[in-house]
Amino acid sequence: MQSVSDGMADIDLSSFWNQVQCPCLVLRGEESETLSRTNAKAMFESNPQAGLLEWAGIGHAPSLLEPQQIDLIADWLKQTANGLG
């Protein structure tokens, strides 16, 4: 996983990410300048319990106020809860 781009190029948080041992969902706006698609994909691929959602036309942080966004997250939570049982 590469370092965060631009002004924080020297910050590599992958060692923290690699310690995550629970289901987690990586959320990314397609136009994010903070979390690149490459890094989001690397996060997803490095953690077998991770999910990945990306929204088109949105910057770094999706608002999570749109019903479609909420539904996708709710579906992931249900699937994850079923897998834990």
C-alpha atoms as a PDB file:
ATOM      1  CA  MET A   1       0.000   0.000   0.000  1.00  0.00           C
ATOM      2  CA  GLN A   2       1.369   3.403  -0.940  1.00  0.00           C
ATOM      3  CA  SER A   3       1.574   6.452   1.288  1.00  0.00           C
ATOM      4  CA  VAL A   4      -1.157   9.070   1.314  1.00  0.00           C
ATOM      5  CA  SER A   5      -0.652  11.418  -1.624  1.00  0.00           C
ATOM      6  CA  ASP A   6       0.209  15.099  -1.947  1.00  0.00           C
ATOM      7  CA  GLY A   7       0.814  17.089   1.253  1.00  0.00           C
ATOM      8  CA  MET A   8       1.079  13.990   3.418  1.00  0.00           C
ATOM      9  CA  ALA A   9       3.208  11.873   1.089  1.00  0.00           C
ATOM     10  CA  ASP A  10       5.471  10.718   3.883  1.00  0.00           C
ATOM     11  CA  ILE A  11       2.641   9.258   5.993  1.00  0.00           C
ATOM     12  CA  ASP A  12       2.113   5.512   5.616  1.00  0.00           C
ATOM     13  CA  LEU A  13      -0.744   4.165   7.725  1.00  0.00           C
ATOM     14  CA  SER A  14      -0.643   0.618   6.381  1.00  0.00           C
ATOM     15  CA  SER A  15       0.896  -0.758   9.594  1.00  0.00           C
ATOM     16  CA  PHE A  16      -2.223   0.393  11.467  1.00  0.00           C
ATOM     17  CA  TRP A  17      -4.548  -0.972   8.808  1.00  0.00           C
ATOM     18  CA  ASN A  18      -2.794  -4.334   8.920  1.00  0.00           C
ATOM     19  CA  GLN A  19      -3.675  -4.632  12.612  1.00  0.00           C
ATOM     20  CA  VAL A  20      -7.437  -4.459  11.976  1.00  0.00           C
ATOM     21  CA  GLN A  21      -8.856  -7.880  12.795  1.00  0.00           C
ATOM     22  CA  CYS A  22     -12.590  -7.267  12.460  1.00  0.00           C
ATOM     23  CA  PRO A  23     -14.994  -6.754   9.557  1.00  0.00           C
ATOM     24  CA  CYS A  24     -14.706  -3.242   8.182  1.00  0.00           C
ATOM     25  CA  LEU A  25     -16.008  -1.333   5.228  1.00  0.00           C
ATOM     26  CA  VAL A  26     -13.766   0.977   3.213  1.00  0.00           C
ATOM     27  CA  LEU A  27     -15.810   3.899   1.880  1.00  0.00           C
ATOM     28  CA  ARG A  28     -14.434   6.079  -0.877  1.00  0.00           C
ATOM     29  CA  GLY A  29     -15.644   8.900  -3.070  1.00  0.00           C
ATOM     30  CA  GLU A  30     -14.394   8.392  -6.617  1.00  0.00           C
ATOM     31  CA  GLU A  31     -12.963  11.916  -6.717  1.00  0.00           C
ATOM     32  CA  SER A  32     -11.087  11.627  -3.415  1.00  0.00           C
ATOM     33  CA  GLU A  33      -7.646  13.177  -3.397  1.00  0.00           C
ATOM     34  CA  THR A  34      -6.975  11.675   0.042  1.00  0.00           C
ATOM     35  CA  LEU A  35      -7.686   7.977  -0.493  1.00  0.00           C
ATOM     36  CA  SER A  36      -6.650   6.844  -3.966  1.00  0.00           C
ATOM     37  CA  ARG A  37      -8.407   4.009  -5.742  1.00  0.00           C
ATOM     38  CA  THR A  38      -5.102   2.098  -5.653  1.00  0.00           C
ATOM     39  CA  ASN A  39      -4.836   2.404  -1.861  1.00  0.00           C
ATOM     40  CA  ALA A  40      -8.510   1.577  -1.297  1.00  0.00           C
ATOM     41  CA  LYS A  41      -8.148  -1.540  -3.445  1.00  0.00           C
ATOM     42  CA  ALA A  42      -4.970  -2.523  -1.576  1.00  0.00           C
ATOM     43  CA  MET A  43      -6.803  -2.109   1.742  1.00  0.00           C
ATOM     44  CA  PHE A  44      -9.657  -4.282   0.505  1.00  0.00           C
ATOM     45  CA  GLU A  45      -7.360  -6.962  -0.872  1.00  0.00           C
ATOM     46  CA  SER A  46      -5.149  -7.115   2.236  1.00  0.00           C
ATOM     47  CA  ASN A  47      -7.990  -7.757   4.693  1.00  0.00           C
ATOM     48  CA  PRO A  48     -10.264 -10.746   4.027  1.00  0.00           C
ATOM     49  CA  GLN A  49     -12.914  -9.177   6.283  1.00  0.00           C
ATOM     50  CA  ALA A  50     -13.010  -5.870   4.401  1.00  0.00           C
ATOM     51  CA  GLY A  51     -15.634  -4.603   2.031  1.00  0.00           C
ATOM     52  CA  LEU A  52     -15.177  -1.735  -0.405  1.00  0.00           C
ATOM     53  CA  LEU A  53     -17.736   0.796  -1.633  1.00  0.00           C
ATOM     54  CA  GLU A  54     -16.946   3.651  -3.996  1.00  0.00           C
ATOM     55  CA  TRP A  55     -19.332   6.353  -5.132  1.00  0.00           C
ATOM     56  CA  ALA A  56     -19.027   8.210  -8.433  1.00  0.00           C
ATOM     57  CA  GLY A  57     -19.046  11.996  -8.481  1.00  0.00           C
ATOM     58  CA  ILE A  58     -18.174  12.332  -4.782  1.00  0.00           C
ATOM     59  CA  GLY A  59     -15.027  13.647  -3.131  1.00  0.00           C
ATOM     60  CA  HIS A  60     -13.243  12.081  -0.190  1.00  0.00           C
ATOM     61  CA  ALA A  61     -16.078  11.522   2.266  1.00  0.00           C
ATOM     62  CA  PRO A  62     -19.524  10.422   1.095  1.00  0.00           C
ATOM     63  CA  SER A  63     -22.267  12.125   3.125  1.00  0.00           C
ATOM     64  CA  LEU A  64     -24.063   8.817   3.785  1.00  0.00           C
ATOM     65  CA  LEU A  65     -27.373  10.679   3.735  1.00  0.00           C
ATOM     66  CA  GLU A  66     -28.693   9.320   0.444  1.00  0.00           C
ATOM     67  CA  PRO A  67     -30.986   6.277   0.693  1.00  0.00           C
ATOM     68  CA  GLN A  68     -28.915   4.399  -1.912  1.00  0.00           C
ATOM     69  CA  GLN A  69     -25.755   4.909   0.139  1.00  0.00           C
ATOM     70  CA  ILE A  70     -27.468   3.826   3.335  1.00  0.00           C
ATOM     71  CA  ASP A  71     -28.950   0.742   1.636  1.00  0.00           C
ATOM     72  CA  LEU A  72     -25.537  -0.407   0.385  1.00  0.00           C
ATOM     73  CA  ILE A  73     -24.054  -0.082   3.842  1.00  0.00           C
ATOM     74  CA  ALA A  74     -27.038  -1.804   5.462  1.00  0.00           C
ATOM     75  CA  ASP A  75     -26.701  -4.696   2.998  1.00  0.00           C
ATOM     76  CA  TRP A  76     -22.997  -5.065   3.821  1.00  0.00           C
ATOM     77  CA  LEU A  77     -23.764  -5.033   7.548  1.00  0.00           C
ATOM     78  CA  LYS A  78     -26.435  -7.729   7.133  1.00  0.00           C
ATOM     79  CA  GLN A  79     -24.127  -9.919   5.054  1.00  0.00           C
ATOM     80  CA  THR A  80     -21.322  -9.443   7.548  1.00  0.00           C
ATOM     81  CA  ALA A  81     -23.562 -10.237  10.523  1.00  0.00           C
ATOM     82  CA  ASN A  82     -24.779 -13.418   8.790  1.00  0.00           C
ATOM     83  CA  GLY A  83     -21.180 -14.488   8.170  1.00  0.00           C
ATOM     84  CA  LEU A  84     -20.299 -14.065  11.836  1.00  0.00           C
ATOM     85  CA  GLY A  85     -23.135 -16.248  13.114  1.00  0.00           C
END
